[in-house]
């Protein structure tokens, strides 16, 4: 595999640090690496593969050095400014923010689901929302087997999805301190409110799941609805997914195909109380699925419980997997 010149943007944040960890774990083929962040992080030292890398300030000239790929995790506003600059210098950007996800000219990619979308990139590739990524990894085999008519999402999302501020709100809240990130206490509580509310009564997070699912699956008219909830769990998102299929569902076949699908681990032995749990998914790259059963209220319906590490597969690992696919095409 070709060794490349790599830039990591937003390297000091929660996702950025995890990107570096995943790159090291997967022995990503790097010839040279540079890490960028805001001015306040300039000069900080980061350890990578036993060497010290100095954090540089992200500027308009940062990509003049001939990078092959840049992994961005610095927020939508920075991505809108700096991703086009990087792309104009011949650097392929894999962006983890929401800035480019619904741009019709930008591929929105989950490697297990739609890797061929990379063939049409124009220098910027979008990494989907964390809650969408783990869902579509499971939905793709279901659609291939039985066709999908409708999807109902109910999510139970960890505070790490809101960054360190969300993480600290739960940590401090357990000690009786008031919240700073969330509008209400998250300790011992559930908030049916992730991101801003829209005029239709949904939140931005819920509409991300609706629109991103359609784009990634290549099903622009798919009926999808979502309720996303923040729960007092530090890491890993859990999702209840109800799927109405076009054809009769064979549960034994479904379990077999899911267990053989890349990136999926089936944990579905309810007699022995085996099912996916957030506490077991932490630091894992796979998507875990269980509680697989028929929805007896509709024809051809099924229910599933899906859990994944939102910082790894839901962000960092998915971005690195996209970069690995890009290298194969270079």
C-alpha atoms as a PDB file:
ATOM      1  CA  UNK A   1       0.000   0.000   0.000  1.00  0.00           C
ATOM      2  CA  UNK A   2       1.297   3.424  -0.931  1.00  0.00           C
ATOM      3  CA  UNK A   3       2.625   5.575   1.904  1.00  0.00           C
ATOM      4  CA  UNK A   4       1.130   9.023   1.956  1.00  0.00           C
ATOM      5  CA  UNK A   5       1.550  12.502   3.367  1.00  0.00           C
ATOM      6  CA  UNK A   6      -1.287  12.952   5.835  1.00  0.00           C
ATOM      7  CA  UNK A   7      -2.748  15.935   7.663  1.00  0.00           C
ATOM      8  CA  UNK A   8      -5.052  15.645  10.679  1.00  0.00           C
ATOM      9  CA  UNK A   9      -7.097  18.795  11.275  1.00  0.00           C
ATOM     10  CA  UNK A  10      -8.629  19.278  14.713  1.00  0.00           C
ATOM     11  CA  UNK A  11      -6.065  16.909  16.176  1.00  0.00           C
ATOM     12  CA  UNK A  12      -6.460  18.014  19.794  1.00  0.00           C
ATOM     13  CA  UNK A  13     -10.215  17.373  20.023  1.00  0.00           C
ATOM     14  CA  UNK A  14     -11.928  14.184  21.144  1.00  0.00           C
ATOM     15  CA  UNK A  15     -12.402  12.826  17.613  1.00  0.00           C
ATOM     16  CA  UNK A  16      -9.041  14.129  16.400  1.00  0.00           C
ATOM     17  CA  UNK A  17      -7.163  12.333  19.163  1.00  0.00           C
ATOM     18  CA  UNK A  18      -9.101   9.159  18.396  1.00  0.00           C
ATOM     19  CA  UNK A  19      -8.255   9.468  14.697  1.00  0.00           C
ATOM     20  CA  UNK A  20      -4.563   9.463  15.616  1.00  0.00           C
ATOM     21  CA  UNK A  21      -5.115   6.441  17.865  1.00  0.00           C
ATOM     22  CA  UNK A  22      -6.939   4.536  15.103  1.00  0.00           C
ATOM     23  CA  UNK A  23      -4.264   5.437  12.528  1.00  0.00           C
ATOM     24  CA  UNK A  24      -1.641   3.998  14.840  1.00  0.00           C
ATOM     25  CA  UNK A  25      -3.632   0.856  15.656  1.00  0.00           C
ATOM     26  CA  UNK A  26      -4.331   0.096  12.004  1.00  0.00           C
ATOM     27  CA  UNK A  27      -0.723   0.848  10.995  1.00  0.00           C
ATOM     28  CA  UNK A  28      -1.936   3.338   8.411  1.00  0.00           C
ATOM     29  CA  UNK A  29       0.801   3.775   5.758  1.00  0.00           C
ATOM     30  CA  UNK A  30       2.154   7.249   6.492  1.00  0.00           C
ATOM     31  CA  UNK A  31       5.255   8.785   4.959  1.00  0.00           C
ATOM     32  CA  UNK A  32       4.761  12.111   6.746  1.00  0.00           C
ATOM     33  CA  UNK A  33       2.135  13.390   9.194  1.00  0.00           C
ATOM     34  CA  UNK A  34       1.219  16.907  10.302  1.00  0.00           C
ATOM     35  CA  UNK A  35      -1.374  17.849  12.911  1.00  0.00           C
ATOM     36  CA  UNK A  36      -3.336  21.103  12.932  1.00  0.00           C
ATOM     37  CA  UNK A  37      -5.625  22.833  15.390  1.00  0.00           C
ATOM     38  CA  UNK A  38      -6.630  26.345  16.443  1.00  0.00           C
ATOM     39  CA  UNK A  39      -4.149  29.011  17.513  1.00  0.00           C
ATOM     40  CA  UNK A  40      -4.659  28.227  21.192  1.00  0.00           C
ATOM     41  CA  UNK A  41      -3.330  24.685  20.667  1.00  0.00           C
ATOM     42  CA  UNK A  42      -0.322  25.750  18.607  1.00  0.00           C
ATOM     43  CA  UNK A  43       2.918  24.280  19.939  1.00  0.00           C
ATOM     44  CA  UNK A  44       1.322  21.458  21.930  1.00  0.00           C
ATOM     45  CA  UNK A  45       3.016  18.086  21.664  1.00  0.00           C
ATOM     46  CA  UNK A  46       1.228  14.914  20.525  1.00  0.00           C
ATOM     47  CA  UNK A  47       2.723  11.440  20.635  1.00  0.00           C
ATOM     48  CA  UNK A  48       2.266   9.369  17.489  1.00  0.00           C
ATOM     49  CA  UNK A  49       3.979   6.036  16.848  1.00  0.00           C
ATOM     50  CA  UNK A  50       6.579   6.772  19.486  1.00  0.00           C
ATOM     51  CA  UNK A  51       7.467  10.174  18.082  1.00  0.00           C
ATOM     52  CA  UNK A  52       6.565  13.703  19.137  1.00  0.00           C
ATOM     53  CA  UNK A  53       4.509  15.719  16.662  1.00  0.00           C
ATOM     54  CA  UNK A  54       4.076  19.460  17.234  1.00  0.00           C
ATOM     55  CA  UNK A  55       0.590  20.907  16.730  1.00  0.00           C
ATOM     56  CA  UNK A  56       0.518  23.625  14.080  1.00  0.00           C
ATOM     57  CA  UNK A  57      -2.016  26.411  13.706  1.00  0.00           C
ATOM     58  CA  UNK A  58      -4.487  25.844  10.881  1.00  0.00           C
ATOM     59  CA  UNK A  59      -4.096  28.608   8.289  1.00  0.00           C
ATOM     60  CA  UNK A  60      -4.829  29.167   4.610  1.00  0.00           C
ATOM     61  CA  UNK A  61      -1.268  28.117   3.748  1.00  0.00           C
ATOM     62  CA  UNK A  62      -1.304  24.881   5.773  1.00  0.00           C
ATOM     63  CA  UNK A  63      -1.913  22.751   2.686  1.00  0.00           C
ATOM     64  CA  UNK A  64       0.843  24.199   0.512  1.00  0.00           C
ATOM     65  CA  UNK A  65       3.107  21.284   1.480  1.00  0.00           C
ATOM     66  CA  UNK A  66       1.688  18.626  -0.834  1.00  0.00           C
ATOM     67  CA  UNK A  67      -0.467  16.509   1.459  1.00  0.00           C
ATOM     68  CA  UNK A  68      -2.251  13.561  -0.149  1.00  0.00           C
ATOM     69  CA  UNK A  69      -5.126  13.240   2.350  1.00  0.00           C
ATOM     70  CA  UNK A  70      -6.443  15.392   5.203  1.00  0.00           C
ATOM     71  CA  UNK A  71      -8.751  14.069   7.898  1.00  0.00           C
ATOM     72  CA  UNK A  72     -10.839  16.984   9.187  1.00  0.00           C
ATOM     73  CA  UNK A  73     -12.532  17.098  12.586  1.00  0.00           C
ATOM     74  CA  UNK A  74     -12.573  20.792  13.366  1.00  0.00           C
ATOM     75  CA  UNK A  75     -16.242  21.737  13.063  1.00  0.00           C
ATOM     76  CA  UNK A  76     -18.433  22.820  10.165  1.00  0.00           C
ATOM     77  CA  UNK A  77     -17.349  26.462  10.069  1.00  0.00           C
ATOM     78  CA  UNK A  78     -13.675  25.546   9.715  1.00  0.00           C
ATOM     79  CA  UNK A  79     -14.467  22.840   7.168  1.00  0.00           C
ATOM     80  CA  UNK A  80     -16.375  25.262   4.975  1.00  0.00           C
ATOM     81  CA  UNK A  81     -13.335  27.539   4.872  1.00  0.00           C
ATOM     82  CA  UNK A  82     -10.386  25.170   4.789  1.00  0.00           C
ATOM     83  CA  UNK A  83     -11.655  22.018   3.030  1.00  0.00           C
ATOM     84  CA  UNK A  84     -11.973  23.778  -0.356  1.00  0.00           C
ATOM     85  CA  UNK A  85      -8.503  25.293   0.134  1.00  0.00           C
ATOM     86  CA  UNK A  86      -6.998  21.869   0.824  1.00  0.00           C
ATOM     87  CA  UNK A  87      -8.835  20.314  -2.126  1.00  0.00           C
ATOM     88  CA  UNK A  88      -7.603  23.079  -4.432  1.00  0.00           C
ATOM     89  CA  UNK A  89      -4.029  22.073  -3.546  1.00  0.00           C
ATOM     90  CA  UNK A  90      -4.636  18.449  -4.590  1.00  0.00           C
ATOM     91  CA  UNK A  91      -5.289  17.146  -1.079  1.00  0.00           C
ATOM     92  CA  UNK A  92      -8.313  14.868  -0.652  1.00  0.00           C
ATOM     93  CA  UNK A  93     -10.354  15.894   2.378  1.00  0.00           C
ATOM     94  CA  UNK A  94     -12.348  13.451   4.512  1.00  0.00           C
ATOM     95  CA  UNK A  95     -14.522  15.759   6.595  1.00  0.00           C
ATOM     96  CA  UNK A  96     -16.207  14.694   9.822  1.00  0.00           C
ATOM     97  CA  UNK A  97     -18.448  17.758  10.214  1.00  0.00           C
ATOM     98  CA  UNK A  98     -21.943  18.376   8.886  1.00  0.00           C
ATOM     99  CA  UNK A  99     -20.681  21.007   6.417  1.00  0.00           C
ATOM    100  CA  UNK A 100     -20.692  18.907   3.241  1.00  0.00           C
ATOM    101  CA  UNK A 101     -22.874  15.898   3.996  1.00  0.00           C
ATOM    102  CA  UNK A 102     -25.913  16.947   1.999  1.00  0.00           C
ATOM    103  CA  UNK A 103     -24.019  18.696  -0.790  1.00  0.00           C
ATOM    104  CA  UNK A 104     -25.089  16.798  -3.940  1.00  0.00           C
ATOM    105  CA  UNK A 105     -21.540  17.008  -5.295  1.00  0.00           C
ATOM    106  CA  UNK A 106     -19.929  15.475  -2.207  1.00  0.00           C
ATOM    107  CA  UNK A 107     -20.021  11.705  -1.525  1.00  0.00           C
ATOM    108  CA  UNK A 108     -21.345  10.687   1.894  1.00  0.00           C
ATOM    109  CA  UNK A 109     -19.596   7.407   2.590  1.00  0.00           C
ATOM    110  CA  UNK A 110     -19.750   4.407   4.908  1.00  0.00           C
ATOM    111  CA  UNK A 111     -17.230   1.898   3.499  1.00  0.00           C
ATOM    112  CA  UNK A 112     -19.346  -1.181   4.310  1.00  0.00           C
ATOM    113  CA  UNK A 113     -22.365   0.357   2.566  1.00  0.00           C
ATOM    114  CA  UNK A 114     -21.477   2.554  -0.421  1.00  0.00           C
ATOM    115  CA  UNK A 115     -17.727   2.448  -1.175  1.00  0.00           C
ATOM    116  CA  UNK A 116     -18.307   3.040  -4.888  1.00  0.00           C
ATOM    117  CA  UNK A 117     -19.524   6.559  -4.082  1.00  0.00           C
ATOM    118  CA  UNK A 118     -15.855   7.492  -3.708  1.00  0.00           C
ATOM    119  CA  UNK A 119     -15.356   7.153  -7.449  1.00  0.00           C
ATOM    120  CA  UNK A 120     -17.100  10.467  -8.059  1.00  0.00           C
ATOM    121  CA  UNK A 121     -15.434  12.643  -5.446  1.00  0.00           C
ATOM    122  CA  UNK A 122     -14.126  16.083  -6.360  1.00  0.00           C
ATOM    123  CA  UNK A 123     -11.647  16.449  -3.548  1.00  0.00           C
ATOM    124  CA  UNK A 124     -14.012  16.460  -0.558  1.00  0.00           C
ATOM    125  CA  UNK A 125     -15.670  13.402   1.015  1.00  0.00           C
ATOM    126  CA  UNK A 126     -18.129  13.646   3.890  1.00  0.00           C
ATOM    127  CA  UNK A 127     -18.112  11.375   6.929  1.00  0.00           C
ATOM    128  CA  UNK A 128     -21.740  10.824   8.037  1.00  0.00           C
ATOM    129  CA  UNK A 129     -23.317  11.577  11.390  1.00  0.00           C
ATOM    130  CA  UNK A 130     -22.341   9.058  14.075  1.00  0.00           C
ATOM    131  CA  UNK A 131     -25.859   7.779  14.694  1.00  0.00           C
ATOM    132  CA  UNK A 132     -26.464   7.303  10.964  1.00  0.00           C
ATOM    133  CA  UNK A 133     -23.249   5.373  10.365  1.00  0.00           C
ATOM    134  CA  UNK A 134     -24.024   2.514  12.726  1.00  0.00           C
ATOM    135  CA  UNK A 135     -27.610   2.292  11.508  1.00  0.00           C
ATOM    136  CA  UNK A 136     -26.879   1.983   7.788  1.00  0.00           C
ATOM    137  CA  UNK A 137     -24.177  -0.648   8.349  1.00  0.00           C
ATOM    138  CA  UNK A 138     -27.019  -2.903   9.530  1.00  0.00           C
ATOM    139  CA  UNK A 139     -29.697  -1.612   7.151  1.00  0.00           C
ATOM    140  CA  UNK A 140     -27.681  -2.365   4.000  1.00  0.00           C
ATOM    141  CA  UNK A 141     -27.796  -6.188   4.337  1.00  0.00           C
ATOM    142  CA  UNK A 142     -31.486  -5.985   5.268  1.00  0.00           C
ATOM    143  CA  UNK A 143     -32.260  -3.961   2.163  1.00  0.00           C
ATOM    144  CA  UNK A 144     -30.263  -6.333  -0.039  1.00  0.00           C
ATOM    145  CA  UNK A 145     -32.211  -9.307   1.342  1.00  0.00           C
ATOM    146  CA  UNK A 146     -35.764  -8.053   1.702  1.00  0.00           C
ATOM    147  CA  UNK A 147     -35.989  -4.474   0.452  1.00  0.00           C
ATOM    148  CA  UNK A 148     -36.802  -1.627   2.863  1.00  0.00           C
ATOM    149  CA  UNK A 149     -40.044   0.376   2.762  1.00  0.00           C
ATOM    150  CA  UNK A 150     -39.827   2.344   6.004  1.00  0.00           C
ATOM    151  CA  UNK A 151     -37.441   2.929   8.925  1.00  0.00           C
ATOM    152  CA  UNK A 152     -38.246   4.224  12.417  1.00  0.00           C
ATOM    153  CA  UNK A 153     -35.262   5.266  14.543  1.00  0.00           C
ATOM    154  CA  UNK A 154     -35.265   5.738  18.303  1.00  0.00           C
ATOM    155  CA  UNK A 155     -31.775   6.557  19.557  1.00  0.00           C
ATOM    156  CA  UNK A 156     -30.151   6.582  22.974  1.00  0.00           C
ATOM    157  CA  UNK A 157     -27.033   8.643  22.446  1.00  0.00           C
ATOM    158  CA  UNK A 158     -24.016   9.024  24.720  1.00  0.00           C
ATOM    159  CA  UNK A 159     -22.850  12.405  25.987  1.00  0.00           C
ATOM    160  CA  UNK A 160     -19.504  12.038  24.196  1.00  0.00           C
ATOM    161  CA  UNK A 161     -21.456  12.780  21.024  1.00  0.00           C
ATOM    162  CA  UNK A 162     -21.560  16.364  22.286  1.00  0.00           C
ATOM    163  CA  UNK A 163     -17.782  16.492  22.722  1.00  0.00           C
ATOM    164  CA  UNK A 164     -15.844  17.116  25.909  1.00  0.00           C
ATOM    165  CA  UNK A 165     -18.422  19.662  27.073  1.00  0.00           C
ATOM    166  CA  UNK A 166     -21.120  17.000  27.005  1.00  0.00           C
ATOM    167  CA  UNK A 167     -18.832  14.494  28.665  1.00  0.00           C
ATOM    168  CA  UNK A 168     -18.065  16.979  31.431  1.00  0.00           C
ATOM    169  CA  UNK A 169     -21.757  17.789  31.949  1.00  0.00           C
ATOM    170  CA  UNK A 170     -22.442  14.180  32.884  1.00  0.00           C
ATOM    171  CA  UNK A 171     -19.290  13.849  34.959  1.00  0.00           C
ATOM    172  CA  UNK A 172     -19.985  17.077  36.852  1.00  0.00           C
ATOM    173  CA  UNK A 173     -23.711  16.400  37.070  1.00  0.00           C
ATOM    174  CA  UNK A 174     -23.083  13.150  38.906  1.00  0.00           C
ATOM    175  CA  UNK A 175     -21.361  15.311  41.516  1.00  0.00           C
ATOM    176  CA  UNK A 176     -24.352  17.629  41.770  1.00  0.00           C
ATOM    177  CA  UNK A 177     -23.050  20.472  39.606  1.00  0.00           C
ATOM    178  CA  UNK A 178     -25.336  22.309  37.127  1.00  0.00           C
ATOM    179  CA  UNK A 179     -25.043  21.683  33.374  1.00  0.00           C
ATOM    180  CA  UNK A 180     -23.043  23.957  31.095  1.00  0.00           C
ATOM    181  CA  UNK A 181     -23.477  22.243  27.730  1.00  0.00           C
ATOM    182  CA  UNK A 182     -26.994  20.813  27.877  1.00  0.00           C
ATOM    183  CA  UNK A 183     -30.170  22.850  28.586  1.00  0.00           C
ATOM    184  CA  UNK A 184     -31.102  20.520  31.456  1.00  0.00           C
ATOM    185  CA  UNK A 185     -29.198  18.130  33.734  1.00  0.00           C
ATOM    186  CA  UNK A 186     -28.166  14.943  31.960  1.00  0.00           C
ATOM    187  CA  UNK A 187     -27.173  13.024  35.094  1.00  0.00           C
ATOM    188  CA  UNK A 188     -30.014  10.635  36.000  1.00  0.00           C
ATOM    189  CA  UNK A 189     -32.029  12.092  33.145  1.00  0.00           C
ATOM    190  CA  UNK A 190     -32.841  11.640  29.433  1.00  0.00           C
ATOM    191  CA  UNK A 191     -33.092  14.591  27.060  1.00  0.00           C
ATOM    192  CA  UNK A 192     -35.277  14.148  23.939  1.00  0.00           C
ATOM    193  CA  UNK A 193     -33.314  16.987  22.396  1.00  0.00           C
ATOM    194  CA  UNK A 194     -30.082  16.681  20.364  1.00  0.00           C
ATOM    195  CA  UNK A 195     -29.061  19.788  18.397  1.00  0.00           C
ATOM    196  CA  UNK A 196     -31.472  22.621  17.576  1.00  0.00           C
ATOM    197  CA  UNK A 197     -35.213  22.264  17.015  1.00  0.00           C
ATOM    198  CA  UNK A 198     -36.521  22.973  13.522  1.00  0.00           C
ATOM    199  CA  UNK A 199     -39.827  24.426  12.362  1.00  0.00           C
ATOM    200  CA  UNK A 200     -41.230  20.927  11.719  1.00  0.00           C
ATOM    201  CA  UNK A 201     -40.751  19.968  15.383  1.00  0.00           C
ATOM    202  CA  UNK A 202     -37.838  17.660  14.684  1.00  0.00           C
ATOM    203  CA  UNK A 203     -34.266  18.376  15.780  1.00  0.00           C
ATOM    204  CA  UNK A 204     -31.364  18.781  13.384  1.00  0.00           C
ATOM    205  CA  UNK A 205     -29.991  15.456  14.634  1.00  0.00           C
ATOM    206  CA  UNK A 206     -33.231  13.698  13.720  1.00  0.00           C
ATOM    207  CA  UNK A 207     -33.324  15.204  10.245  1.00  0.00           C
ATOM    208  CA  UNK A 208     -29.657  14.307   9.747  1.00  0.00           C
ATOM    209  CA  UNK A 209     -30.596  10.674  10.264  1.00  0.00           C
ATOM    210  CA  UNK A 210     -33.511  10.955   7.856  1.00  0.00           C
ATOM    211  CA  UNK A 211     -31.637  12.699   5.048  1.00  0.00           C
ATOM    212  CA  UNK A 212     -28.298  10.958   5.444  1.00  0.00           C
ATOM    213  CA  UNK A 213     -29.885   7.499   5.454  1.00  0.00           C
ATOM    214  CA  UNK A 214     -31.563   8.264   2.149  1.00  0.00           C
ATOM    215  CA  UNK A 215     -28.355   9.572   0.579  1.00  0.00           C
ATOM    216  CA  UNK A 216     -26.043   6.787   1.775  1.00  0.00           C
ATOM    217  CA  UNK A 217     -28.494   4.017   0.892  1.00  0.00           C
ATOM    218  CA  UNK A 218     -29.253   5.582  -2.476  1.00  0.00           C
ATOM    219  CA  UNK A 219     -32.979   5.627  -1.637  1.00  0.00           C
ATOM    220  CA  UNK A 220     -34.098   9.265  -1.970  1.00  0.00           C
ATOM    221  CA  UNK A 221     -37.771   8.436  -1.356  1.00  0.00           C
ATOM    222  CA  UNK A 222     -37.292   6.086   1.582  1.00  0.00           C
ATOM    223  CA  UNK A 223     -39.745   6.741   4.402  1.00  0.00           C
ATOM    224  CA  UNK A 224     -37.695   7.462   7.513  1.00  0.00           C
ATOM    225  CA  UNK A 225     -38.524   9.053  10.855  1.00  0.00           C
ATOM    226  CA  UNK A 226     -36.443   9.505  13.996  1.00  0.00           C
ATOM    227  CA  UNK A 227     -36.516  10.468  17.651  1.00  0.00           C
ATOM    228  CA  UNK A 228     -33.041  11.077  19.066  1.00  0.00           C
ATOM    229  CA  UNK A 229     -32.435  11.128  22.811  1.00  0.00           C
ATOM    230  CA  UNK A 230     -29.382  12.025  24.870  1.00  0.00           C
ATOM    231  CA  UNK A 231     -28.921   9.573  27.754  1.00  0.00           C
ATOM    232  CA  UNK A 232     -26.624   9.545  30.806  1.00  0.00           C
ATOM    233  CA  UNK A 233     -24.027   7.239  29.257  1.00  0.00           C
ATOM    234  CA  UNK A 234     -20.480   8.464  28.621  1.00  0.00           C
ATOM    235  CA  UNK A 235     -19.687   6.509  25.445  1.00  0.00           C
ATOM    236  CA  UNK A 236     -21.416   4.500  22.703  1.00  0.00           C
ATOM    237  CA  UNK A 237     -24.756   5.123  21.022  1.00  0.00           C
ATOM    238  CA  UNK A 238     -27.634   2.626  21.206  1.00  0.00           C
ATOM    239  CA  UNK A 239     -30.494   2.535  18.718  1.00  0.00           C
ATOM    240  CA  UNK A 240     -33.839   0.810  18.450  1.00  0.00           C
ATOM    241  CA  UNK A 241     -34.510   0.393  14.731  1.00  0.00           C
ATOM    242  CA  UNK A 242     -37.874  -0.669  13.339  1.00  0.00           C
ATOM    243  CA  UNK A 243     -37.813  -1.697   9.687  1.00  0.00           C
ATOM    244  CA  UNK A 244     -40.740  -2.428   7.411  1.00  0.00           C
ATOM    245  CA  UNK A 245     -39.590  -4.551   4.480  1.00  0.00           C
ATOM    246  CA  UNK A 246     -40.984  -5.076   1.001  1.00  0.00           C
ATOM    247  CA  UNK A 247     -40.745  -8.867   1.138  1.00  0.00           C
ATOM    248  CA  UNK A 248     -41.263 -11.568   3.804  1.00  0.00           C
ATOM    249  CA  UNK A 249     -38.447 -11.694   6.360  1.00  0.00           C
ATOM    250  CA  UNK A 250     -36.597 -14.907   7.191  1.00  0.00           C
ATOM    251  CA  UNK A 251     -35.021 -14.253  10.594  1.00  0.00           C
ATOM    252  CA  UNK A 252     -32.612 -17.195  10.417  1.00  0.00           C
ATOM    253  CA  UNK A 253     -31.332 -16.014   7.046  1.00  0.00           C
ATOM    254  CA  UNK A 254     -31.091 -12.452   8.334  1.00  0.00           C
ATOM    255  CA  UNK A 255     -29.018 -13.479  11.351  1.00  0.00           C
ATOM    256  CA  UNK A 256     -26.739 -15.564   9.116  1.00  0.00           C
ATOM    257  CA  UNK A 257     -26.163 -12.758   6.625  1.00  0.00           C
ATOM    258  CA  UNK A 258     -25.637 -10.139   9.337  1.00  0.00           C
ATOM    259  CA  UNK A 259     -23.107 -12.381  11.112  1.00  0.00           C
ATOM    260  CA  UNK A 260     -21.202 -12.774   7.837  1.00  0.00           C
ATOM    261  CA  UNK A 261     -21.300  -9.064   6.968  1.00  0.00           C
ATOM    262  CA  UNK A 262     -18.155  -6.989   7.319  1.00  0.00           C
ATOM    263  CA  UNK A 263     -18.088  -4.764  10.368  1.00  0.00           C
ATOM    264  CA  UNK A 264     -21.081  -6.381  12.111  1.00  0.00           C
ATOM    265  CA  UNK A 265     -21.153  -8.552  15.234  1.00  0.00           C
ATOM    266  CA  UNK A 266     -24.420 -10.337  16.024  1.00  0.00           C
ATOM    267  CA  UNK A 267     -25.181 -10.694  19.740  1.00  0.00           C
ATOM    268  CA  UNK A 268     -28.634 -12.203  19.817  1.00  0.00           C
ATOM    269  CA  UNK A 269     -29.167 -14.905  22.436  1.00  0.00           C
ATOM    270  CA  UNK A 270     -31.971 -13.599  24.618  1.00  0.00           C
ATOM    271  CA  UNK A 271     -32.368 -16.884  26.506  1.00  0.00           C
ATOM    272  CA  UNK A 272     -28.937 -16.247  27.966  1.00  0.00           C
ATOM    273  CA  UNK A 273     -29.465 -12.488  28.153  1.00  0.00           C
ATOM    274  CA  UNK A 274     -26.946 -11.785  25.394  1.00  0.00           C
ATOM    275  CA  UNK A 275     -27.547  -8.567  23.462  1.00  0.00           C
ATOM    276  CA  UNK A 276     -25.506  -5.481  22.545  1.00  0.00           C
ATOM    277  CA  UNK A 277     -24.708  -3.034  25.323  1.00  0.00           C
ATOM    278  CA  UNK A 278     -22.876   0.270  25.327  1.00  0.00           C
ATOM    279  CA  UNK A 279     -20.565  -0.870  28.096  1.00  0.00           C
ATOM    280  CA  UNK A 280     -19.211  -3.641  25.847  1.00  0.00           C
ATOM    281  CA  UNK A 281     -18.979  -1.648  22.593  1.00  0.00           C
ATOM    282  CA  UNK A 282     -16.543   0.970  23.899  1.00  0.00           C
ATOM    283  CA  UNK A 283     -13.223   1.077  22.000  1.00  0.00           C
ATOM    284  CA  UNK A 284     -14.554  -1.341  19.382  1.00  0.00           C
ATOM    285  CA  UNK A 285     -14.831  -0.626  15.659  1.00  0.00           C
ATOM    286  CA  UNK A 286     -17.659  -3.040  14.912  1.00  0.00           C
ATOM    287  CA  UNK A 287     -21.397  -2.401  14.928  1.00  0.00           C
ATOM    288  CA  UNK A 288     -23.223  -4.747  17.307  1.00  0.00           C
ATOM    289  CA  UNK A 289     -26.768  -5.929  16.595  1.00  0.00           C
ATOM    290  CA  UNK A 290     -29.237  -8.023  18.581  1.00  0.00           C
ATOM    291  CA  UNK A 291     -32.853  -8.282  19.791  1.00  0.00           C
ATOM    292  CA  UNK A 292     -33.645  -9.322  16.205  1.00  0.00           C
ATOM    293  CA  UNK A 293     -37.333 -10.141  16.036  1.00  0.00           C
ATOM    294  CA  UNK A 294     -40.411  -9.702  13.900  1.00  0.00           C
ATOM    295  CA  UNK A 295     -42.645  -6.681  14.339  1.00  0.00           C
ATOM    296  CA  UNK A 296     -46.000  -8.394  14.571  1.00  0.00           C
ATOM    297  CA  UNK A 297     -47.922  -5.134  14.134  1.00  0.00           C
ATOM    298  CA  UNK A 298     -47.094  -4.821  10.410  1.00  0.00           C
ATOM    299  CA  UNK A 299     -46.510  -7.158   7.498  1.00  0.00           C
ATOM    300  CA  UNK A 300     -42.811  -7.878   6.877  1.00  0.00           C
ATOM    301  CA  UNK A 301     -41.633  -5.829   9.883  1.00  0.00           C
ATOM    302  CA  UNK A 302     -38.583  -6.383  12.105  1.00  0.00           C
ATOM    303  CA  UNK A 303     -37.093  -4.786  15.203  1.00  0.00           C
ATOM    304  CA  UNK A 304     -33.389  -4.553  15.999  1.00  0.00           C
ATOM    305  CA  UNK A 305     -31.143  -3.143  18.726  1.00  0.00           C
ATOM    306  CA  UNK A 306     -27.912  -1.625  17.388  1.00  0.00           C
ATOM    307  CA  UNK A 307     -24.942  -0.358  19.419  1.00  0.00           C
ATOM    308  CA  UNK A 308     -21.579   1.132  18.412  1.00  0.00           C
ATOM    309  CA  UNK A 309     -18.796   3.346  19.724  1.00  0.00           C
ATOM    310  CA  UNK A 310     -19.822   6.758  18.403  1.00  0.00           C
ATOM    311  CA  UNK A 311     -16.328   8.234  18.588  1.00  0.00           C
ATOM    312  CA  UNK A 312     -14.670   5.314  16.818  1.00  0.00           C
ATOM    313  CA  UNK A 313     -16.949   3.762  14.173  1.00  0.00           C
ATOM    314  CA  UNK A 314     -19.254   6.761  14.398  1.00  0.00           C
ATOM    315  CA  UNK A 315     -16.459   9.180  13.526  1.00  0.00           C
ATOM    316  CA  UNK A 316     -12.730   8.414  13.661  1.00  0.00           C
ATOM    317  CA  UNK A 317     -12.610   4.840  12.387  1.00  0.00           C
ATOM    318  CA  UNK A 318     -15.060   5.471   9.560  1.00  0.00           C
ATOM    319  CA  UNK A 319     -12.905   8.398   8.388  1.00  0.00           C
ATOM    320  CA  UNK A 320      -9.745   6.277   8.490  1.00  0.00           C
ATOM    321  CA  UNK A 321     -11.510   3.471   6.616  1.00  0.00           C
ATOM    322  CA  UNK A 322     -12.449   5.964   3.905  1.00  0.00           C
ATOM    323  CA  UNK A 323      -8.803   7.053   3.692  1.00  0.00           C
ATOM    324  CA  UNK A 324      -7.728   3.416   3.343  1.00  0.00           C
ATOM    325  CA  UNK A 325     -10.097   3.025   0.399  1.00  0.00           C
ATOM    326  CA  UNK A 326      -8.679   6.173  -1.171  1.00  0.00           C
ATOM    327  CA  UNK A 327      -5.141   4.804  -0.960  1.00  0.00           C
ATOM    328  CA  UNK A 328      -6.233   1.669  -2.791  1.00  0.00           C
ATOM    329  CA  UNK A 329      -7.383   3.890  -5.640  1.00  0.00           C
ATOM    330  CA  UNK A 330      -4.210   5.989  -5.836  1.00  0.00           C
END
